[in-house]
Amino acid sequence: MYTSPKFHQIAFTDFNQSCGMQLDPKNEWVLLADRLDWCRMEEKTRYNELFPSKTGHPAKPFRMALGSLIIQKRKKLSDRGLVKEIGENPYLQYFIGCESFRKGCPFTAPLLVSFRKRLGTEALMTVNDIFLFAAAATKEHKGDAQPAVGGKNVGTEILDATCSPSNIKYPQDFELLHEARKKLEGMIDDFHKAFHPWKKPRTYRRIAGKTYLTLAKAKKRTAKKVRMEIRRQLRHVRRDLGYLEAYMAEGYALPGRDIGMYLTIRKLYEQQRYMYDNKTHQVSDWIVNLSQPYIRPIVRGKAKSPVEFGAKYDISVDEKGHARLEKISFTPYHEGSVLKDAVERYRKRTGHYPERILADRIYRTRANLQYSKEHGIRMSGPKLGRPKRTDARATKEGYRDNVDRIEVERFFSLDKRCNGAGLIMTRLEETTLSSIALSVFVTNLFAIPIRPYFLLYFGENGINAESFHLLLFEDEE
């Protein structure tokens, strides 16, 4: 069940400080908490609809869930480290909506997984839009935004894609098969221990482990040796799968915790067998990690990391320096397919199309160029076909576009270095996606100034009134 908290913090003085404790009202977390519209965010994300039951222990408030995840991203803390930090810091307790400072954290570390599940990608994108609606332009873009006059296109849309790698080991085919073999041997041991249907079958685990270590410790792994080891591991995996199928044919069922792993290993065996038989290293929906089978290799073409393993996503940055998550997926996709939807969302927000689009050459497909021409939008970069003689105006315009496009690279740098998108530590598919969306929101949160405002909050019939009124006074800079 879920009930909205009756206590609403409207000022720092409402935080019941203990005797002798004096907190700084200009602390970073205090100022940030007072400038976020928590109630509107909770309403728009429909957080209360996640708890339809009217019985049971009440769920933690929306502000506590979102606030704790913001702190974790900003401070780069683990789940246990976050619980310890909140329990010792009164400023962080004020930020997550506690009525007063208390010893210890109001929630445990495992509950953070539930917070990340409840606040998914769509909810965090909604929260980001609410924040950007009330936010001012960044210092670098102050004064760049101009109103549209006469239906003309105004503004800039910058598009680019990147990948946030997950915390997994670099995949090797023979190592994946070795890990799958060990998982299957554990399942066979559990079957035999629980049911004793017949004599325990031989798995040759010592021989398989010895041949694996011989190759794993080798200084030079030739293609011939790797192929021979893959053949051996495929043989062991096929035998173990046959044992499990024989168990299940007799009516014995796998435990619920092993069903997903069993299906993943079967698919892995089929993929590795196909690549071995056809002497290729390419296969669709390639499994690169058994515990996270949804992760796919993303080819980036960078000198430092030509291939990364994680989620790929597109970011758009407008003329105010506001960044938004346009698309996110574990499956590789062509960036050019994102441009039309991103521009249409820009028009829906502002009421007009952007004057120019700054993007990589991969976005300059024929369909996108035709779309931009129809709507009077200029795309950066050279035209298709034979290059024409350059003039001074085109050279200056191209240089300006390249300089302005650095803004999205700056955002990626902050997103990965400062706010946790450089290495994703979560292990579930939904929490991994929400972790990336949260990094985008937190990067905006600490990079974009918020217009200061004064909020007058009162009830109709005293303190315990059923209905309340809000008066908002903004200070336009």
Protein backbone atom coordinates (compact mmCIF):
# COMPACT_ATOMS: atom_id res chain seq x y z
CA MET A 1 0.00 0.00 0.00
CA TYR A 2 1.02 3.62 -0.42
CA THR A 3 -0.06 6.83 1.25
CA SER A 4 1.28 10.25 0.34
CA PRO A 5 3.11 11.79 3.30
CA LYS A 6 0.98 14.28 5.20
CA PHE A 7 4.10 16.19 6.23
CA HIS A 8 5.25 18.55 3.47
CA GLN A 9 8.58 20.31 3.85
CA ILE A 10 8.21 23.86 2.65
CA ALA A 11 11.25 25.40 4.34
CA PHE A 12 14.51 24.37 5.96
CA THR A 13 13.13 25.49 9.35
CA ASP A 14 10.63 22.60 9.26
CA PHE A 15 13.50 20.13 9.70
CA ASN A 16 13.42 19.39 13.43
CA GLN A 17 17.04 19.80 14.42
CA SER A 18 18.13 18.35 17.74
CA CYS A 19 19.43 20.54 20.53
CA GLY A 20 22.87 21.91 19.75
CA MET A 21 22.75 21.02 16.03
CA GLN A 22 22.88 23.92 13.61
CA LEU A 23 22.73 23.10 9.92
CA ASP A 24 23.79 25.39 7.11
CA PRO A 25 20.74 26.53 5.08
CA LYS A 26 23.06 27.21 2.10
CA ASN A 27 24.23 23.61 1.86
CA GLU A 28 24.13 22.16 -1.66
CA TRP A 29 21.62 19.44 -0.78
CA VAL A 30 19.37 21.82 1.14
CA LEU A 31 19.18 24.28 -1.75
CA LEU A 32 18.57 21.50 -4.26
CA ALA A 33 15.81 19.92 -2.18
CA ASP A 34 13.98 23.22 -1.80
CA ARG A 35 14.04 23.92 -5.54
CA LEU A 36 12.69 20.58 -6.78
CA ASP A 37 8.95 20.12 -7.24
CA TRP A 38 8.66 16.75 -5.51
CA CYS A 39 4.84 16.76 -5.40
CA ARG A 40 4.48 17.37 -9.14
CA MET A 41 7.06 14.71 -9.95
CA GLU A 42 5.21 12.20 -7.81
CA GLU A 43 1.90 13.09 -9.45
CA LYS A 44 3.15 12.92 -13.05
CA THR A 45 4.99 9.62 -12.58
CA ARG A 46 1.87 8.08 -10.97
CA TYR A 47 4.01 6.60 -8.25
CA ASN A 48 1.00 5.75 -6.07
CA GLU A 49 -0.45 3.50 -8.80
CA LEU A 50 2.42 1.06 -8.25
CA PHE A 51 0.80 0.09 -4.95
CA PRO A 52 -2.87 -0.78 -5.63
CA SER A 53 -3.31 -2.80 -2.43
CA LYS A 54 -4.92 -1.08 0.56
CA THR A 55 -3.32 -3.40 3.11
CA GLY A 56 0.19 -4.20 4.19
CA HIS A 57 3.17 -2.14 5.25
CA PRO A 58 3.19 1.34 3.65
CA ALA A 59 5.79 1.87 0.93
CA LYS A 60 8.53 4.45 1.20
CA PRO A 61 7.63 7.92 -0.15
CA PHE A 62 8.49 8.99 -3.67
CA ARG A 63 10.89 11.67 -2.45
CA MET A 64 12.83 9.15 -0.38
CA ALA A 65 13.14 6.75 -3.33
CA LEU A 66 14.19 9.34 -5.92
CA GLY A 67 16.32 11.37 -3.50
CA SER A 68 18.34 8.37 -2.38
CA LEU A 69 19.06 7.35 -5.99
CA ILE A 70 20.16 10.91 -6.83
CA ILE A 71 22.57 10.88 -3.88
CA GLN A 72 23.94 7.49 -4.90
CA LYS A 73 24.65 8.63 -8.46
CA ARG A 74 26.21 11.92 -7.43
CA LYS A 75 28.47 10.46 -4.74
CA LYS A 76 29.22 7.19 -6.62
CA LEU A 77 28.26 5.01 -3.66
CA SER A 78 27.36 1.36 -3.43
CA ASP A 79 24.02 0.38 -1.90
CA ARG A 80 25.57 -0.31 1.49
CA GLY A 81 27.74 2.79 1.29
CA LEU A 82 24.67 4.92 0.54
CA VAL A 83 22.80 3.56 3.57
CA LYS A 84 25.78 4.34 5.79
CA GLU A 85 26.21 7.84 4.32
CA ILE A 86 22.55 8.78 4.77
CA GLY A 87 22.55 7.48 8.34
CA GLU A 88 25.43 9.80 9.25
CA ASN A 89 24.53 12.94 7.27
CA PRO A 90 21.61 15.19 8.34
CA TYR A 91 21.74 17.13 5.06
CA LEU A 92 21.09 13.97 3.07
CA GLN A 93 18.24 13.00 5.41
CA TYR A 94 16.67 16.40 4.79
CA PHE A 95 17.09 15.89 1.05
CA ILE A 96 15.18 12.58 1.06
CA GLY A 97 12.32 14.11 3.07
CA CYS A 98 12.90 12.98 6.65
CA GLU A 99 11.06 15.07 9.26
CA SER A 100 14.11 15.22 11.53
CA PHE A 101 17.59 13.81 11.89
CA ARG A 102 17.65 10.25 13.15
CA LYS A 103 20.43 7.80 13.83
CA GLY A 104 20.59 5.32 11.00
CA CYS A 105 19.05 5.21 7.54
CA PRO A 106 15.25 4.89 7.19
CA PHE A 107 15.66 1.97 4.75
CA THR A 108 17.99 -0.96 4.15
CA ALA A 109 20.34 -1.57 1.23
CA PRO A 110 18.26 -4.28 -0.55
CA LEU A 111 15.35 -1.83 -0.82
CA LEU A 112 17.36 0.26 -3.30
CA VAL A 113 16.83 -2.45 -5.91
CA SER A 114 13.08 -1.95 -5.51
CA PHE A 115 13.55 1.82 -5.84
CA ARG A 116 15.32 1.35 -9.18
CA LYS A 117 12.58 -1.00 -10.38
CA ARG A 118 9.78 1.39 -9.40
CA LEU A 119 11.44 4.43 -10.97
CA GLY A 120 11.95 3.03 -14.46
CA THR A 121 13.19 4.72 -17.60
CA GLU A 122 9.86 6.35 -18.51
CA ALA A 123 9.33 7.69 -14.98
CA LEU A 124 12.83 9.20 -14.87
CA MET A 125 12.40 10.77 -18.32
CA THR A 126 9.17 12.36 -17.03
CA VAL A 127 11.01 13.65 -13.97
CA ASN A 128 13.74 15.05 -16.23
CA ASP A 129 11.16 16.88 -18.39
CA ILE A 130 9.52 18.41 -15.29
CA PHE A 131 12.88 19.64 -14.06
CA LEU A 132 13.91 21.07 -17.44
CA PHE A 133 10.57 22.86 -17.81
CA ALA A 134 11.36 25.00 -14.76
CA ALA A 135 15.12 25.23 -15.36
CA ALA A 136 17.01 28.13 -16.84
CA ALA A 137 19.64 27.92 -19.56
CA THR A 138 23.18 26.90 -18.68
CA LYS A 139 25.86 29.55 -18.29
CA GLU A 140 27.32 28.70 -21.70
CA HIS A 141 23.91 29.10 -23.40
CA LYS A 142 22.53 32.06 -21.49
CA GLY A 143 20.88 34.35 -24.03
CA ASP A 144 21.02 31.84 -26.90
CA ALA A 145 17.32 30.95 -26.74
CA GLN A 146 15.20 33.26 -28.91
CA PRO A 147 11.41 33.30 -29.38
CA ALA A 148 9.99 32.14 -32.69
CA VAL A 149 8.55 34.99 -34.78
CA GLY A 150 6.21 34.42 -37.70
CA GLY A 151 6.45 30.63 -37.59
CA LYS A 152 10.18 30.62 -38.39
CA ASN A 153 12.48 27.87 -37.21
CA VAL A 154 14.51 28.90 -34.19
CA GLY A 155 17.00 27.06 -32.02
CA THR A 156 19.47 24.20 -32.25
CA GLU A 157 19.16 20.45 -31.73
CA ILE A 158 22.36 18.46 -31.13
CA LEU A 159 22.19 14.67 -31.46
CA ASP A 160 24.74 12.00 -30.65
CA ALA A 161 24.87 8.41 -29.41
CA THR A 162 27.09 6.62 -26.91
CA CYS A 163 27.29 3.41 -24.91
CA SER A 164 27.47 2.87 -21.15
CA PRO A 165 29.38 -0.38 -20.60
CA SER A 166 28.17 -2.82 -17.97
CA ASN A 167 30.48 -4.30 -15.37
CA ILE A 168 31.13 -7.68 -17.01
CA LYS A 169 34.22 -9.66 -17.94
CA TYR A 170 35.39 -9.40 -21.53
CA PRO A 171 33.74 -12.41 -23.21
CA GLN A 172 35.80 -15.29 -24.60
CA ASP A 173 33.99 -18.18 -26.27
CA PHE A 174 35.83 -20.96 -24.44
CA GLU A 175 35.43 -19.14 -21.10
CA LEU A 176 31.68 -18.76 -21.62
CA LEU A 177 31.39 -22.48 -22.36
CA HIS A 178 33.53 -23.30 -19.31
CA GLU A 179 31.24 -21.22 -17.10
CA ALA A 180 28.15 -22.83 -18.65
CA ARG A 181 29.60 -26.29 -17.98
CA LYS A 182 30.15 -25.47 -14.31
CA LYS A 183 26.58 -24.18 -13.99
CA LEU A 184 25.20 -27.38 -15.52
CA GLU A 185 27.33 -29.54 -13.23
CA GLY A 186 25.88 -27.68 -10.25
CA MET A 187 22.35 -28.38 -11.51
CA ILE A 188 23.16 -32.08 -11.92
CA ASP A 189 24.52 -32.19 -8.36
CA ASP A 190 21.34 -30.56 -7.05
CA PHE A 191 19.17 -33.09 -8.95
CA HIS A 192 21.09 -36.04 -7.58
CA LYS A 193 21.14 -34.66 -4.03
CA ALA A 194 17.40 -33.91 -4.00
CA PHE A 195 15.92 -36.92 -5.83
CA HIS A 196 18.54 -39.72 -6.15
CA PRO A 197 16.83 -41.07 -9.28
CA TRP A 198 19.76 -43.30 -10.29
CA LYS A 199 23.53 -43.47 -10.11
CA LYS A 200 25.15 -40.07 -10.50
CA PRO A 201 26.39 -39.66 -14.10
CA ARG A 202 29.99 -38.89 -14.90
CA THR A 203 30.66 -35.30 -15.94
CA TYR A 204 34.48 -35.41 -16.37
CA ARG A 205 34.73 -32.08 -14.58
CA ARG A 206 38.35 -32.55 -13.55
CA ILE A 207 39.49 -33.29 -17.08
CA ALA A 208 37.44 -30.38 -18.47
CA GLY A 209 38.81 -27.99 -15.85
CA LYS A 210 42.38 -29.08 -16.51
CA THR A 211 42.16 -28.52 -20.26
CA TYR A 212 40.53 -25.13 -19.68
CA LEU A 213 43.28 -23.98 -17.31
CA THR A 214 45.94 -25.11 -19.76
CA LEU A 215 44.61 -22.70 -22.37
CA ALA A 216 43.67 -19.94 -19.91
CA LYS A 217 47.21 -19.81 -18.50
CA ALA A 218 48.92 -20.05 -21.88
CA LYS A 219 50.95 -16.98 -22.86
CA LYS A 220 50.00 -17.37 -26.52
CA ARG A 221 46.59 -18.65 -27.53
CA THR A 222 46.73 -19.70 -31.13
CA ALA A 223 43.54 -20.01 -33.15
CA LYS A 224 44.06 -23.77 -33.44
CA LYS A 225 44.33 -24.25 -29.66
CA VAL A 226 41.28 -22.06 -29.00
CA ARG A 227 39.23 -23.99 -31.53
CA MET A 228 40.25 -27.32 -29.99
CA GLU A 229 39.25 -26.14 -26.51
CA ILE A 230 35.91 -24.84 -27.79
CA ARG A 231 35.25 -28.27 -29.30
CA ARG A 232 36.03 -29.97 -25.96
CA GLN A 233 33.84 -27.60 -23.96
CA LEU A 234 30.99 -27.98 -26.46
CA ARG A 235 31.19 -31.74 -25.98
CA HIS A 236 31.01 -31.42 -22.18
CA VAL A 237 28.09 -28.95 -22.32
CA ARG A 238 26.18 -31.19 -24.74
CA ARG A 239 26.64 -34.20 -22.43
CA ASP A 240 25.46 -32.28 -19.34
CA LEU A 241 22.42 -30.94 -21.18
CA GLY A 242 21.57 -34.52 -22.12
CA TYR A 243 21.72 -35.58 -18.47
CA LEU A 244 19.35 -32.79 -17.45
CA GLU A 245 16.95 -33.64 -20.27
CA ALA A 246 16.92 -37.25 -19.06
CA TYR A 247 16.07 -36.10 -15.53
CA MET A 248 13.23 -33.93 -16.78
CA ALA A 249 11.94 -36.70 -19.07
CA GLU A 250 11.39 -38.82 -15.94
CA GLY A 251 9.22 -36.09 -14.40
CA TYR A 252 11.80 -34.24 -12.29
CA ALA A 253 11.62 -30.46 -12.59
CA LEU A 254 14.32 -27.84 -12.31
CA PRO A 255 14.11 -25.39 -9.39
CA GLY A 256 12.66 -22.03 -10.33
CA ARG A 257 15.98 -20.26 -9.78
CA ASP A 258 17.69 -22.46 -12.41
CA ILE A 259 15.13 -22.35 -15.23
CA GLY A 260 16.33 -19.02 -16.67
CA MET A 261 19.99 -20.08 -16.52
CA TYR A 262 19.18 -23.44 -18.18
CA LEU A 263 17.41 -21.75 -21.10
CA THR A 264 20.27 -19.26 -21.46
CA ILE A 265 22.84 -22.06 -21.58
CA ARG A 266 20.84 -23.93 -24.23
CA LYS A 267 20.79 -20.82 -26.41
CA LEU A 268 24.49 -20.24 -25.77
CA TYR A 269 25.28 -23.82 -26.83
CA GLU A 270 23.30 -23.41 -30.06
CA GLN A 271 25.11 -20.15 -30.87
CA GLN A 272 28.58 -21.51 -30.12
CA ARG A 273 27.86 -24.71 -32.05
CA TYR A 274 26.73 -22.68 -35.06
CA MET A 275 29.85 -20.51 -34.98
CA TYR A 276 32.10 -23.56 -34.56
CA ASP A 277 30.52 -25.51 -37.42
CA ASN A 278 30.49 -22.53 -39.79
CA LYS A 279 33.90 -21.17 -38.72
CA THR A 280 32.53 -17.70 -38.06
CA HIS A 281 32.53 -15.22 -35.20
CA GLN A 282 29.18 -13.59 -35.92
CA VAL A 283 25.74 -14.64 -34.74
CA SER A 284 22.48 -12.82 -34.04
CA ASP A 285 21.61 -12.00 -30.40
CA TRP A 286 25.06 -13.05 -29.27
CA ILE A 287 25.11 -13.94 -25.55
CA VAL A 288 28.24 -12.47 -23.96
CA ASN A 289 27.40 -13.01 -20.28
CA LEU A 290 25.40 -15.79 -18.62
CA SER A 291 24.13 -13.78 -15.66
CA GLN A 292 23.17 -10.83 -17.90
CA PRO A 293 22.09 -12.44 -21.20
CA TYR A 294 20.38 -9.26 -22.43
CA ILE A 295 23.72 -7.47 -22.98
CA ARG A 296 24.92 -7.24 -26.59
CA PRO A 297 28.21 -6.07 -28.12
CA ILE A 298 28.08 -2.47 -29.36
CA VAL A 299 30.61 -1.61 -32.07
CA ARG A 300 31.85 1.93 -31.45
CA GLY A 301 34.92 2.16 -33.67
CA LYS A 302 36.92 4.11 -31.09
CA ALA A 303 40.66 3.57 -30.83
CA LYS A 304 40.48 2.99 -27.07
CA SER A 305 37.44 0.70 -27.07
CA PRO A 306 36.33 -0.53 -30.52
CA VAL A 307 33.63 -2.73 -28.92
CA GLU A 308 31.74 -2.14 -25.68
CA PHE A 309 29.18 -4.30 -23.91
CA GLY A 310 26.20 -2.41 -22.55
CA ALA A 311 23.23 -0.27 -23.48
CA LYS A 312 23.34 2.16 -26.40
CA TYR A 313 21.42 5.43 -26.15
CA ASP A 314 20.91 8.73 -27.99
CA ILE A 315 21.06 12.12 -26.29
CA SER A 316 19.71 15.42 -27.62
CA VAL A 317 20.87 18.82 -26.37
CA ASP A 318 18.90 21.96 -27.23
CA GLU A 319 19.93 25.62 -27.41
CA LYS A 320 19.52 25.99 -23.62
CA GLY A 321 21.98 23.20 -22.87
CA HIS A 322 19.17 20.87 -21.72
CA ALA A 323 19.85 17.19 -22.41
CA ARG A 324 17.18 14.55 -22.98
CA LEU A 325 17.27 10.81 -23.47
CA GLU A 326 15.80 10.09 -26.92
CA LYS A 327 16.29 6.33 -27.21
CA ILE A 328 17.94 3.55 -25.21
CA SER A 329 18.33 -0.10 -26.12
CA PHE A 330 20.62 -3.08 -25.59
CA THR A 331 20.13 -4.08 -29.22
CA PRO A 332 22.36 -2.17 -31.68
CA TYR A 333 20.43 0.23 -33.90
CA HIS A 334 21.16 2.85 -36.55
CA GLU A 335 21.36 6.35 -35.09
CA GLY A 336 19.71 7.85 -38.16
CA SER A 337 16.38 6.29 -37.17
CA VAL A 338 16.23 8.51 -34.08
CA LEU A 339 16.42 11.91 -35.79
CA LYS A 340 12.82 12.31 -36.95
CA ASP A 341 11.28 11.35 -33.61
CA ALA A 342 13.70 13.62 -31.73
CA VAL A 343 12.88 16.61 -33.93
CA GLU A 344 9.13 16.01 -33.62
CA ARG A 345 9.43 15.91 -29.84
CA TYR A 346 11.37 19.17 -30.02
CA ARG A 347 8.53 20.76 -32.01
CA LYS A 348 5.96 19.44 -29.54
CA ARG A 349 7.85 21.06 -26.65
CA THR A 350 8.57 24.42 -28.25
CA GLY A 351 5.90 24.81 -30.94
CA HIS A 352 8.43 25.15 -33.78
CA TYR A 353 11.17 23.20 -35.53
CA PRO A 354 14.87 23.88 -34.81
CA GLU A 355 16.79 26.09 -37.19
CA ARG A 356 19.68 23.63 -37.42
CA ILE A 357 20.57 20.08 -36.41
CA LEU A 358 24.13 19.29 -35.37
CA ALA A 359 24.93 15.59 -35.69
CA ASP A 360 27.48 13.08 -36.95
CA ARG A 361 27.68 12.03 -40.57
CA ILE A 362 25.85 8.79 -39.78
CA TYR A 363 22.66 10.81 -39.18
CA ARG A 364 22.85 12.31 -42.69
CA THR A 365 20.85 9.63 -44.48
CA ARG A 366 18.81 10.45 -47.59
CA ALA A 367 15.57 10.12 -45.64
CA ASN A 368 16.77 12.50 -42.91
CA LEU A 369 18.12 15.02 -45.42
CA GLN A 370 14.80 14.99 -47.27
CA TYR A 371 12.91 15.38 -43.99
CA SER A 372 15.09 18.35 -42.98
CA LYS A 373 14.66 20.00 -46.37
CA GLU A 374 10.87 19.69 -46.21
CA HIS A 375 10.74 21.44 -42.83
CA GLY A 376 13.38 24.08 -43.53
CA ILE A 377 15.98 22.66 -41.16
CA ARG A 378 19.69 22.89 -41.89
CA MET A 379 21.78 19.82 -41.05
CA SER A 380 25.47 20.17 -40.33
CA GLY A 381 28.06 18.39 -42.42
CA PRO A 382 28.85 17.98 -46.12
CA LYS A 383 26.17 17.21 -48.68
CA LEU A 384 25.85 13.84 -50.35
CA GLY A 385 27.61 13.27 -53.65
CA ARG A 386 30.69 14.81 -55.17
CA PRO A 387 32.15 17.58 -52.97
CA LYS A 388 31.83 21.08 -54.39
CA ARG A 389 34.31 23.89 -54.27
CA THR A 390 34.36 25.30 -50.75
CA ASP A 391 33.73 28.95 -50.07
CA ALA A 392 34.59 31.07 -47.05
CA ARG A 393 31.00 31.20 -45.80
CA ALA A 394 30.55 27.42 -45.83
CA THR A 395 33.91 26.92 -44.13
CA LYS A 396 33.05 29.38 -41.36
CA GLU A 397 29.59 27.85 -40.93
CA GLY A 398 31.03 24.34 -40.70
CA TYR A 399 33.61 25.44 -38.15
CA ARG A 400 30.89 27.02 -36.00
CA ASP A 401 28.79 23.86 -36.19
CA ASN A 402 31.71 21.70 -35.08
CA VAL A 403 32.42 24.01 -32.15
CA ASP A 404 28.79 24.03 -31.02
CA ARG A 405 28.50 20.25 -31.36
CA ILE A 406 31.13 19.81 -28.65
CA GLU A 407 28.34 20.52 -26.14
CA VAL A 408 27.01 16.96 -26.39
CA GLU A 409 30.53 15.54 -25.96
CA ARG A 410 30.90 17.63 -22.82
CA PHE A 411 27.64 16.19 -21.54
CA PHE A 412 28.84 12.62 -22.18
CA SER A 413 32.04 13.40 -20.29
CA LEU A 414 30.15 14.68 -17.23
CA ASP A 415 27.64 11.86 -17.47
CA LYS A 416 30.32 9.17 -17.41
CA ARG A 417 33.02 10.70 -15.21
CA CYS A 418 30.87 12.34 -12.53
CA ASN A 419 27.49 10.61 -12.47
CA GLY A 420 28.03 6.89 -12.87
CA ALA A 421 27.33 6.29 -16.57
CA GLY A 422 30.92 5.27 -17.28
CA LEU A 423 30.42 1.83 -15.72
CA ILE A 424 27.00 0.41 -14.87
CA MET A 425 27.08 -1.83 -11.79
CA THR A 426 23.46 -3.01 -11.76
CA ARG A 427 22.68 -6.55 -12.90
CA LEU A 428 19.01 -6.55 -13.93
CA GLU A 429 17.87 -5.36 -17.35
CA GLU A 430 15.29 -2.88 -16.06
CA THR A 431 17.56 -1.48 -13.34
CA THR A 432 20.42 -1.07 -15.83
CA LEU A 433 18.24 1.04 -18.13
CA SER A 434 16.89 3.10 -15.22
CA SER A 435 20.44 3.63 -13.94
CA ILE A 436 21.46 5.20 -17.27
CA ALA A 437 18.33 7.38 -17.37
CA LEU A 438 19.05 8.48 -13.80
CA SER A 439 22.61 9.47 -14.77
CA VAL A 440 21.22 11.72 -17.51
CA PHE A 441 18.82 13.36 -15.05
CA VAL A 442 21.49 13.86 -12.36
CA THR A 443 23.88 15.40 -14.90
CA ASN A 444 21.20 17.94 -15.80
CA LEU A 445 20.37 18.46 -12.14
CA PHE A 446 23.85 19.63 -11.16
CA ALA A 447 24.78 21.36 -14.44
CA ILE A 448 21.69 23.51 -15.01
CA PRO A 449 20.68 26.35 -12.68
CA ILE A 450 17.13 26.45 -11.37
CA ARG A 451 15.22 29.71 -11.23
CA PRO A 452 14.73 30.58 -7.55
CA TYR A 453 11.16 30.80 -6.32
CA PHE A 454 9.16 31.32 -3.14
CA LEU A 455 6.35 28.88 -2.38
CA LEU A 456 3.40 29.91 -0.19
CA TYR A 457 1.56 26.83 1.08
CA PHE A 458 -1.55 26.95 3.25
CA GLY A 459 -4.74 25.00 4.02
CA GLU A 460 -8.34 26.11 4.03
CA ASN A 461 -9.29 24.97 7.53
CA GLY A 462 -6.12 25.03 9.56
CA ILE A 463 -3.27 22.57 9.86
CA ASN A 464 -5.33 19.40 9.33
CA ALA A 465 -7.18 20.70 6.28
CA GLU A 466 -8.24 18.27 3.58
CA SER A 467 -7.51 20.70 0.72
CA PHE A 468 -4.54 23.00 0.26
CA HIS A 469 -3.49 25.90 -1.98
CA LEU A 470 -0.10 26.76 -3.44
CA LEU A 471 1.11 30.19 -4.54
CA LEU A 472 4.32 30.27 -6.56
CA PHE A 473 6.43 33.42 -6.88
CA GLU A 474 9.31 33.09 -9.35
CA ASP A 475 12.32 35.37 -9.51
CA GLU A 476 13.09 35.88 -13.18
CA GLU A 477 16.76 36.62 -13.73
